[in-house]
């Protein structure tokens, strides 16, 4: 004689049954059963998870931390290849040297010569504004369906302008197209047109700028371009999670499967 425990787990209830079995392991008697109901962990107004605010804050902290680390690697890259000295980097961030208009520099870098400081300003900016990359495994739970739909729609509208104007880069479009004269980024969360590029546009722009600038500075080698593009494209898979020592790191899918 033995026992079997059967569970039915739902978002707002848990049902159970305790069965007695015979010597062959087949149930022959119900000893107990019940269903326990409770309030679902969701906002009654819109059905959103109660954990959503915390998840959104965690998502913002994670994005900020990774963007900051990516920019730090750009600084290290310029130091590694001798394009800037530590004093140059310090002066730039202390604004002892006044940076030029980043938008104009992005266009100038396609046809003219940029100084090492100007090239750093462009590539440093691109590393922090590298655009959207569609990935089915990316965590989109921090965005509502309406927000995600608005984002994808704005990307499509921007893509139409980008292709119809025959612009070489996204930066060139922002400078020369009248549509973006007063709206080049999404700061202050303006309710009007949302400007959001694809990651591949930013990668292509970085390649074109570096390829053109390498004819003026021999230190801009293929190795430099390869290293920069690698850090610009690098994105941790969602099922990998954050790195150690986070408890959410490692192969999350494998851990759940067991």
C-alpha atoms as a PDB file:
ATOM      1  CA  UNK A   1       0.000   0.000   0.000  1.00  0.00           C
ATOM      2  CA  UNK A   2       1.192   3.497  -0.845  1.00  0.00           C
ATOM      3  CA  UNK A   3       0.045   7.024  -1.511  1.00  0.00           C
ATOM      4  CA  UNK A   4      -0.111   9.402  -4.480  1.00  0.00           C
ATOM      5  CA  UNK A   5      -0.236  13.178  -4.309  1.00  0.00           C
ATOM      6  CA  UNK A   6      -1.794  14.998  -7.284  1.00  0.00           C
ATOM      7  CA  UNK A   7      -1.448  18.778  -7.694  1.00  0.00           C
ATOM      8  CA  UNK A   8      -3.093  21.262 -10.044  1.00  0.00           C
ATOM      9  CA  UNK A   9      -1.393  24.670  -9.840  1.00  0.00           C
ATOM     10  CA  UNK A  10      -2.893  27.735 -11.481  1.00  0.00           C
ATOM     11  CA  UNK A  11      -2.340  31.489 -11.238  1.00  0.00           C
ATOM     12  CA  UNK A  12      -5.074  31.937  -8.622  1.00  0.00           C
ATOM     13  CA  UNK A  13      -5.632  28.471  -7.167  1.00  0.00           C
ATOM     14  CA  UNK A  14      -3.994  25.219  -6.148  1.00  0.00           C
ATOM     15  CA  UNK A  15      -5.884  21.946  -6.184  1.00  0.00           C
ATOM     16  CA  UNK A  16      -4.677  18.739  -4.552  1.00  0.00           C
ATOM     17  CA  UNK A  17      -5.767  15.160  -4.037  1.00  0.00           C
ATOM     18  CA  UNK A  18      -4.276  12.408  -1.853  1.00  0.00           C
ATOM     19  CA  UNK A  19      -4.888   8.886  -3.169  1.00  0.00           C
ATOM     20  CA  UNK A  20      -4.271   5.524  -1.585  1.00  0.00           C
ATOM     21  CA  UNK A  21      -2.801   2.806  -3.813  1.00  0.00           C
ATOM     22  CA  UNK A  22      -2.841  -0.981  -3.665  1.00  0.00           C
ATOM     23  CA  UNK A  23       0.154  -3.295  -3.744  1.00  0.00           C
ATOM     24  CA  UNK A  24       0.422  -2.844  -7.524  1.00  0.00           C
ATOM     25  CA  UNK A  25       0.551   0.951  -7.199  1.00  0.00           C
ATOM     26  CA  UNK A  26      -2.922   1.582  -8.604  1.00  0.00           C
ATOM     27  CA  UNK A  27      -5.165   4.133  -6.828  1.00  0.00           C
ATOM     28  CA  UNK A  28      -8.066   2.546  -4.995  1.00  0.00           C
ATOM     29  CA  UNK A  29      -9.222   5.229  -2.579  1.00  0.00           C
ATOM     30  CA  UNK A  30      -9.420   9.014  -2.313  1.00  0.00           C
ATOM     31  CA  UNK A  31      -8.183  10.078   1.102  1.00  0.00           C
ATOM     32  CA  UNK A  32      -8.455  13.853   0.724  1.00  0.00           C
ATOM     33  CA  UNK A  33      -8.948  16.526  -1.907  1.00  0.00           C
ATOM     34  CA  UNK A  34      -9.454  20.262  -1.916  1.00  0.00           C
ATOM     35  CA  UNK A  35      -8.906  23.462  -3.864  1.00  0.00           C
ATOM     36  CA  UNK A  36      -7.358  26.562  -2.307  1.00  0.00           C
ATOM     37  CA  UNK A  37      -8.134  29.829  -4.064  1.00  0.00           C
ATOM     38  CA  UNK A  38      -6.370  33.149  -3.559  1.00  0.00           C
ATOM     39  CA  UNK A  39      -6.155  36.567  -5.142  1.00  0.00           C
ATOM     40  CA  UNK A  40      -3.900  36.558  -8.241  1.00  0.00           C
ATOM     41  CA  UNK A  41      -0.691  38.605  -7.987  1.00  0.00           C
ATOM     42  CA  UNK A  42      -1.794  41.147 -10.559  1.00  0.00           C
ATOM     43  CA  UNK A  43      -3.128  44.667 -10.782  1.00  0.00           C
ATOM     44  CA  UNK A  44      -6.949  44.467 -10.833  1.00  0.00           C
ATOM     45  CA  UNK A  45      -7.133  47.516 -13.133  1.00  0.00           C
ATOM     46  CA  UNK A  46      -5.063  46.226 -16.044  1.00  0.00           C
ATOM     47  CA  UNK A  47      -4.058  42.683 -15.116  1.00  0.00           C
ATOM     48  CA  UNK A  48      -0.352  43.562 -14.981  1.00  0.00           C
ATOM     49  CA  UNK A  49       1.896  41.599 -12.639  1.00  0.00           C
ATOM     50  CA  UNK A  50       2.500  43.172  -9.232  1.00  0.00           C
ATOM     51  CA  UNK A  51       6.190  42.457  -9.802  1.00  0.00           C
ATOM     52  CA  UNK A  52       6.218  44.622 -12.946  1.00  0.00           C
ATOM     53  CA  UNK A  53       7.422  47.892 -11.281  1.00  0.00           C
ATOM     54  CA  UNK A  54      10.341  46.086  -9.642  1.00  0.00           C
ATOM     55  CA  UNK A  55      11.126  44.287 -12.908  1.00  0.00           C
ATOM     56  CA  UNK A  56      11.144  47.591 -14.802  1.00  0.00           C
ATOM     57  CA  UNK A  57      13.509  49.197 -12.296  1.00  0.00           C
ATOM     58  CA  UNK A  58      15.811  46.181 -12.431  1.00  0.00           C
ATOM     59  CA  UNK A  59      15.741  46.291 -16.230  1.00  0.00           C
ATOM     60  CA  UNK A  60      16.681  49.997 -16.206  1.00  0.00           C
ATOM     61  CA  UNK A  61      19.538  49.430 -13.765  1.00  0.00           C
ATOM     62  CA  UNK A  62      20.848  46.534 -15.858  1.00  0.00           C
ATOM     63  CA  UNK A  63      20.718  48.539 -19.126  1.00  0.00           C
ATOM     64  CA  UNK A  64      22.438  51.530 -17.506  1.00  0.00           C
ATOM     65  CA  UNK A  65      25.174  49.336 -16.026  1.00  0.00           C
ATOM     66  CA  UNK A  66      25.859  47.569 -19.337  1.00  0.00           C
ATOM     67  CA  UNK A  67      25.856  50.819 -21.314  1.00  0.00           C
ATOM     68  CA  UNK A  68      28.295  52.355 -18.850  1.00  0.00           C
ATOM     69  CA  UNK A  69      30.594  49.323 -19.129  1.00  0.00           C
ATOM     70  CA  UNK A  70      30.428  49.434 -22.936  1.00  0.00           C
ATOM     71  CA  UNK A  71      31.464  53.095 -22.945  1.00  0.00           C
ATOM     72  CA  UNK A  72      34.299  52.319 -20.550  1.00  0.00           C
ATOM     73  CA  UNK A  73      35.588  49.729 -23.015  1.00  0.00           C
ATOM     74  CA  UNK A  74      35.583  52.369 -25.789  1.00  0.00           C
ATOM     75  CA  UNK A  75      37.875  54.517 -23.634  1.00  0.00           C
ATOM     76  CA  UNK A  76      40.159  51.541 -23.042  1.00  0.00           C
ATOM     77  CA  UNK A  77      40.190  50.784 -26.770  1.00  0.00           C
ATOM     78  CA  UNK A  78      41.428  54.280 -27.689  1.00  0.00           C
ATOM     79  CA  UNK A  79      44.107  54.051 -25.022  1.00  0.00           C
ATOM     80  CA  UNK A  80      45.160  50.569 -26.154  1.00  0.00           C
ATOM     81  CA  UNK A  81      45.735  51.645 -29.774  1.00  0.00           C
ATOM     82  CA  UNK A  82      47.436  54.905 -28.798  1.00  0.00           C
ATOM     83  CA  UNK A  83      44.753  57.121 -30.327  1.00  0.00           C
ATOM     84  CA  UNK A  84      44.393  59.095 -27.097  1.00  0.00           C
ATOM     85  CA  UNK A  85      46.353  59.519 -23.894  1.00  0.00           C
ATOM     86  CA  UNK A  86      44.860  59.319 -20.432  1.00  0.00           C
ATOM     87  CA  UNK A  87      45.182  63.105 -20.189  1.00  0.00           C
ATOM     88  CA  UNK A  88      43.185  63.479 -23.419  1.00  0.00           C
ATOM     89  CA  UNK A  89      40.400  61.279 -22.038  1.00  0.00           C
ATOM     90  CA  UNK A  90      40.396  63.129 -18.715  1.00  0.00           C
ATOM     91  CA  UNK A  91      40.260  66.493 -20.476  1.00  0.00           C
ATOM     92  CA  UNK A  92      37.368  65.347 -22.648  1.00  0.00           C
ATOM     93  CA  UNK A  93      35.225  64.296 -19.703  1.00  0.00           C
ATOM     94  CA  UNK A  94      36.134  67.374 -17.711  1.00  0.00           C
ATOM     95  CA  UNK A  95      35.205  69.368 -20.820  1.00  0.00           C
ATOM     96  CA  UNK A  96      38.476  71.209 -20.800  1.00  0.00           C
ATOM     97  CA  UNK A  97      38.240  70.699 -24.553  1.00  0.00           C
ATOM     98  CA  UNK A  98      34.801  71.727 -25.800  1.00  0.00           C
ATOM     99  CA  UNK A  99      33.262  68.929 -27.921  1.00  0.00           C
ATOM    100  CA  UNK A 100      31.845  69.773 -31.324  1.00  0.00           C
ATOM    101  CA  UNK A 101      28.268  69.098 -32.415  1.00  0.00           C
ATOM    102  CA  UNK A 102      28.074  65.300 -32.376  1.00  0.00           C
ATOM    103  CA  UNK A 103      25.559  65.242 -35.233  1.00  0.00           C
ATOM    104  CA  UNK A 104      27.771  67.278 -37.549  1.00  0.00           C
ATOM    105  CA  UNK A 105      30.795  65.186 -36.623  1.00  0.00           C
ATOM    106  CA  UNK A 106      28.945  62.011 -37.630  1.00  0.00           C
ATOM    107  CA  UNK A 107      28.426  63.455 -41.114  1.00  0.00           C
ATOM    108  CA  UNK A 108      31.866  65.033 -41.332  1.00  0.00           C
ATOM    109  CA  UNK A 109      33.438  61.677 -40.536  1.00  0.00           C
ATOM    110  CA  UNK A 110      32.024  60.216 -43.757  1.00  0.00           C
ATOM    111  CA  UNK A 111      33.823  62.635 -46.092  1.00  0.00           C
ATOM    112  CA  UNK A 112      36.356  64.683 -44.123  1.00  0.00           C
ATOM    113  CA  UNK A 113      39.054  64.150 -41.540  1.00  0.00           C
ATOM    114  CA  UNK A 114      38.326  63.904 -37.817  1.00  0.00           C
ATOM    115  CA  UNK A 115      40.855  64.390 -35.054  1.00  0.00           C
ATOM    116  CA  UNK A 116      41.338  61.557 -32.576  1.00  0.00           C
ATOM    117  CA  UNK A 117      39.269  63.484 -30.032  1.00  0.00           C
ATOM    118  CA  UNK A 118      36.440  64.008 -32.512  1.00  0.00           C
ATOM    119  CA  UNK A 119      36.472  60.364 -33.586  1.00  0.00           C
ATOM    120  CA  UNK A 120      36.377  59.348 -29.928  1.00  0.00           C
ATOM    121  CA  UNK A 121      33.358  61.593 -29.361  1.00  0.00           C
ATOM    122  CA  UNK A 122      31.518  59.944 -32.272  1.00  0.00           C
ATOM    123  CA  UNK A 123      32.324  56.332 -31.426  1.00  0.00           C
ATOM    124  CA  UNK A 124      31.744  56.894 -27.709  1.00  0.00           C
ATOM    125  CA  UNK A 125      28.310  58.320 -28.500  1.00  0.00           C
ATOM    126  CA  UNK A 126      27.416  55.446 -30.835  1.00  0.00           C
ATOM    127  CA  UNK A 127      28.362  52.917 -28.156  1.00  0.00           C
ATOM    128  CA  UNK A 128      25.768  54.452 -25.871  1.00  0.00           C
ATOM    129  CA  UNK A 129      23.085  54.821 -28.557  1.00  0.00           C
ATOM    130  CA  UNK A 130      23.473  51.649 -30.575  1.00  0.00           C
ATOM    131  CA  UNK A 131      19.838  51.162 -31.566  1.00  0.00           C
ATOM    132  CA  UNK A 132      17.286  48.380 -31.364  1.00  0.00           C
ATOM    133  CA  UNK A 133      18.017  44.730 -32.129  1.00  0.00           C
ATOM    134  CA  UNK A 134      15.126  42.318 -32.518  1.00  0.00           C
ATOM    135  CA  UNK A 135      15.707  39.137 -30.535  1.00  0.00           C
ATOM    136  CA  UNK A 136      12.938  36.720 -29.609  1.00  0.00           C
ATOM    137  CA  UNK A 137      14.777  35.765 -26.430  1.00  0.00           C
ATOM    138  CA  UNK A 138      15.169  39.378 -25.292  1.00  0.00           C
ATOM    139  CA  UNK A 139      13.246  40.315 -22.164  1.00  0.00           C
ATOM    140  CA  UNK A 140      10.276  42.397 -23.343  1.00  0.00           C
ATOM    141  CA  UNK A 141       8.255  41.951 -20.161  1.00  0.00           C
ATOM    142  CA  UNK A 142       9.320  45.409 -19.010  1.00  0.00           C
ATOM    143  CA  UNK A 143       7.340  46.953 -21.883  1.00  0.00           C
ATOM    144  CA  UNK A 144       3.628  46.785 -22.448  1.00  0.00           C
ATOM    145  CA  UNK A 145       2.274  45.567 -25.770  1.00  0.00           C
ATOM    146  CA  UNK A 146       1.281  49.147 -26.628  1.00  0.00           C
ATOM    147  CA  UNK A 147       4.781  50.496 -25.878  1.00  0.00           C
ATOM    148  CA  UNK A 148       6.475  47.731 -27.843  1.00  0.00           C
ATOM    149  CA  UNK A 149       4.079  48.234 -30.755  1.00  0.00           C
ATOM    150  CA  UNK A 150       4.759  51.981 -30.763  1.00  0.00           C
ATOM    151  CA  UNK A 151       8.500  51.309 -30.785  1.00  0.00           C
ATOM    152  CA  UNK A 152       8.321  48.916 -33.735  1.00  0.00           C
ATOM    153  CA  UNK A 153       5.993  51.255 -35.623  1.00  0.00           C
ATOM    154  CA  UNK A 154       8.350  54.197 -35.132  1.00  0.00           C
ATOM    155  CA  UNK A 155      11.275  52.089 -36.370  1.00  0.00           C
ATOM    156  CA  UNK A 156       9.321  51.224 -39.505  1.00  0.00           C
ATOM    157  CA  UNK A 157       8.442  54.878 -40.129  1.00  0.00           C
ATOM    158  CA  UNK A 158      12.060  55.920 -39.616  1.00  0.00           C
ATOM    159  CA  UNK A 159      13.179  53.141 -41.966  1.00  0.00           C
ATOM    160  CA  UNK A 160      10.916  54.472 -44.720  1.00  0.00           C
ATOM    161  CA  UNK A 161      12.430  57.967 -44.395  1.00  0.00           C
ATOM    162  CA  UNK A 162      15.938  56.511 -44.249  1.00  0.00           C
ATOM    163  CA  UNK A 163      15.503  54.470 -47.426  1.00  0.00           C
ATOM    164  CA  UNK A 164      13.527  57.029 -49.410  1.00  0.00           C
ATOM    165  CA  UNK A 165      16.140  59.737 -48.783  1.00  0.00           C
ATOM    166  CA  UNK A 166      19.025  57.523 -49.926  1.00  0.00           C
ATOM    167  CA  UNK A 167      21.079  58.522 -46.894  1.00  0.00           C
ATOM    168  CA  UNK A 168      24.352  56.725 -46.283  1.00  0.00           C
ATOM    169  CA  UNK A 169      23.937  56.594 -42.514  1.00  0.00           C
ATOM    170  CA  UNK A 170      21.381  57.185 -39.813  1.00  0.00           C
ATOM    171  CA  UNK A 171      23.391  60.168 -38.555  1.00  0.00           C
ATOM    172  CA  UNK A 172      23.345  61.775 -41.987  1.00  0.00           C
ATOM    173  CA  UNK A 173      19.575  61.422 -42.098  1.00  0.00           C
ATOM    174  CA  UNK A 174      19.194  63.129 -38.711  1.00  0.00           C
ATOM    175  CA  UNK A 175      21.264  66.100 -39.868  1.00  0.00           C
ATOM    176  CA  UNK A 176      19.915  66.595 -43.377  1.00  0.00           C
ATOM    177  CA  UNK A 177      16.281  65.492 -43.296  1.00  0.00           C
ATOM    178  CA  UNK A 178      13.883  68.313 -42.257  1.00  0.00           C
ATOM    179  CA  UNK A 179      11.726  65.808 -40.335  1.00  0.00           C
ATOM    180  CA  UNK A 180      14.408  65.412 -37.683  1.00  0.00           C
ATOM    181  CA  UNK A 181      15.551  69.029 -37.408  1.00  0.00           C
ATOM    182  CA  UNK A 182      14.011  69.455 -33.949  1.00  0.00           C
ATOM    183  CA  UNK A 183      13.792  65.838 -32.865  1.00  0.00           C
ATOM    184  CA  UNK A 184      17.010  63.858 -32.953  1.00  0.00           C
ATOM    185  CA  UNK A 185      16.573  61.795 -29.794  1.00  0.00           C
ATOM    186  CA  UNK A 186      13.973  60.740 -27.226  1.00  0.00           C
ATOM    187  CA  UNK A 187      15.035  62.777 -24.229  1.00  0.00           C
ATOM    188  CA  UNK A 188      12.274  64.306 -22.108  1.00  0.00           C
ATOM    189  CA  UNK A 189      10.008  61.565 -23.539  1.00  0.00           C
ATOM    190  CA  UNK A 190       8.350  63.857 -26.033  1.00  0.00           C
ATOM    191  CA  UNK A 191       4.908  62.705 -27.131  1.00  0.00           C
ATOM    192  CA  UNK A 192       5.606  63.395 -30.794  1.00  0.00           C
ATOM    193  CA  UNK A 193       7.661  61.432 -33.273  1.00  0.00           C
ATOM    194  CA  UNK A 194       9.817  58.747 -31.698  1.00  0.00           C
ATOM    195  CA  UNK A 195      13.291  58.389 -33.212  1.00  0.00           C
ATOM    196  CA  UNK A 196      14.700  54.906 -32.800  1.00  0.00           C
ATOM    197  CA  UNK A 197      17.270  53.304 -35.164  1.00  0.00           C
ATOM    198  CA  UNK A 198      18.032  49.679 -35.789  1.00  0.00           C
ATOM    199  CA  UNK A 199      21.298  48.283 -34.421  1.00  0.00           C
ATOM    200  CA  UNK A 200      22.461  47.384 -37.927  1.00  0.00           C
ATOM    201  CA  UNK A 201      22.229  51.054 -39.016  1.00  0.00           C
ATOM    202  CA  UNK A 202      24.532  52.155 -36.193  1.00  0.00           C
ATOM    203  CA  UNK A 203      26.966  49.325 -36.899  1.00  0.00           C
ATOM    204  CA  UNK A 204      27.063  50.264 -40.599  1.00  0.00           C
ATOM    205  CA  UNK A 205      27.631  53.929 -39.740  1.00  0.00           C
ATOM    206  CA  UNK A 206      30.525  53.069 -37.424  1.00  0.00           C
ATOM    207  CA  UNK A 207      32.136  50.914 -40.120  1.00  0.00           C
ATOM    208  CA  UNK A 208      31.849  53.664 -42.761  1.00  0.00           C
ATOM    209  CA  UNK A 209      33.326  56.307 -40.471  1.00  0.00           C
ATOM    210  CA  UNK A 210      36.247  54.128 -39.351  1.00  0.00           C
ATOM    211  CA  UNK A 211      36.952  52.976 -42.918  1.00  0.00           C
ATOM    212  CA  UNK A 212      37.130  56.583 -44.107  1.00  0.00           C
ATOM    213  CA  UNK A 213      39.203  57.821 -41.163  1.00  0.00           C
ATOM    214  CA  UNK A 214      41.800  55.047 -41.453  1.00  0.00           C
ATOM    215  CA  UNK A 215      43.275  56.764 -44.545  1.00  0.00           C
ATOM    216  CA  UNK A 216      44.216  59.737 -42.325  1.00  0.00           C
ATOM    217  CA  UNK A 217      45.488  57.830 -39.277  1.00  0.00           C
ATOM    218  CA  UNK A 218      47.474  54.562 -39.595  1.00  0.00           C
ATOM    219  CA  UNK A 219      46.645  53.694 -35.991  1.00  0.00           C
ATOM    220  CA  UNK A 220      43.075  52.935 -37.103  1.00  0.00           C
ATOM    221  CA  UNK A 221      43.866  49.375 -38.097  1.00  0.00           C
ATOM    222  CA  UNK A 222      41.589  46.493 -39.013  1.00  0.00           C
ATOM    223  CA  UNK A 223      42.150  45.162 -35.512  1.00  0.00           C
ATOM    224  CA  UNK A 224      40.806  48.400 -34.036  1.00  0.00           C
ATOM    225  CA  UNK A 225      37.696  48.230 -36.209  1.00  0.00           C
ATOM    226  CA  UNK A 226      37.152  44.568 -35.354  1.00  0.00           C
ATOM    227  CA  UNK A 227      37.449  45.247 -31.615  1.00  0.00           C
ATOM    228  CA  UNK A 228      35.133  48.250 -31.740  1.00  0.00           C
ATOM    229  CA  UNK A 229      32.430  46.521 -33.799  1.00  0.00           C
ATOM    230  CA  UNK A 230      32.616  43.515 -31.480  1.00  0.00           C
ATOM    231  CA  UNK A 231      31.924  45.607 -28.376  1.00  0.00           C
ATOM    232  CA  UNK A 232      29.231  47.572 -30.225  1.00  0.00           C
ATOM    233  CA  UNK A 233      27.386  44.370 -31.219  1.00  0.00           C
ATOM    234  CA  UNK A 234      27.909  42.345 -28.069  1.00  0.00           C
ATOM    235  CA  UNK A 235      24.661  41.485 -26.337  1.00  0.00           C
ATOM    236  CA  UNK A 236      24.139  38.905 -23.637  1.00  0.00           C
ATOM    237  CA  UNK A 237      21.509  36.285 -24.460  1.00  0.00           C
ATOM    238  CA  UNK A 238      18.392  36.489 -22.319  1.00  0.00           C
ATOM    239  CA  UNK A 239      18.583  32.842 -21.257  1.00  0.00           C
ATOM    240  CA  UNK A 240      22.164  33.409 -20.044  1.00  0.00           C
ATOM    241  CA  UNK A 241      21.187  36.158 -17.639  1.00  0.00           C
ATOM    242  CA  UNK A 242      23.612  38.479 -15.852  1.00  0.00           C
ATOM    243  CA  UNK A 243      27.137  37.453 -14.955  1.00  0.00           C
ATOM    244  CA  UNK A 244      28.366  36.354 -11.535  1.00  0.00           C
ATOM    245  CA  UNK A 245      27.725  36.919  -8.694  1.00  0.00           C
ATOM    246  CA  UNK A 246      24.066  37.503  -9.601  1.00  0.00           C
ATOM    247  CA  UNK A 247      21.774  34.657  -8.509  1.00  0.00           C
ATOM    248  CA  UNK A 248      19.989  35.078 -11.839  1.00  0.00           C
ATOM    249  CA  UNK A 249      23.094  34.235 -13.862  1.00  0.00           C
ATOM    250  CA  UNK A 250      23.997  31.060 -15.722  1.00  0.00           C
ATOM    251  CA  UNK A 251      21.869  28.911 -17.983  1.00  0.00           C
ATOM    252  CA  UNK A 252      18.424  29.787 -16.631  1.00  0.00           C
ATOM    253  CA  UNK A 253      16.574  27.536 -19.078  1.00  0.00           C
ATOM    254  CA  UNK A 254      18.809  24.599 -18.214  1.00  0.00           C
ATOM    255  CA  UNK A 255      18.324  25.203 -14.503  1.00  0.00           C
ATOM    256  CA  UNK A 256      14.541  25.193 -14.895  1.00  0.00           C
ATOM    257  CA  UNK A 257      14.601  22.004 -16.964  1.00  0.00           C
ATOM    258  CA  UNK A 258      16.850  20.420 -14.379  1.00  0.00           C
END
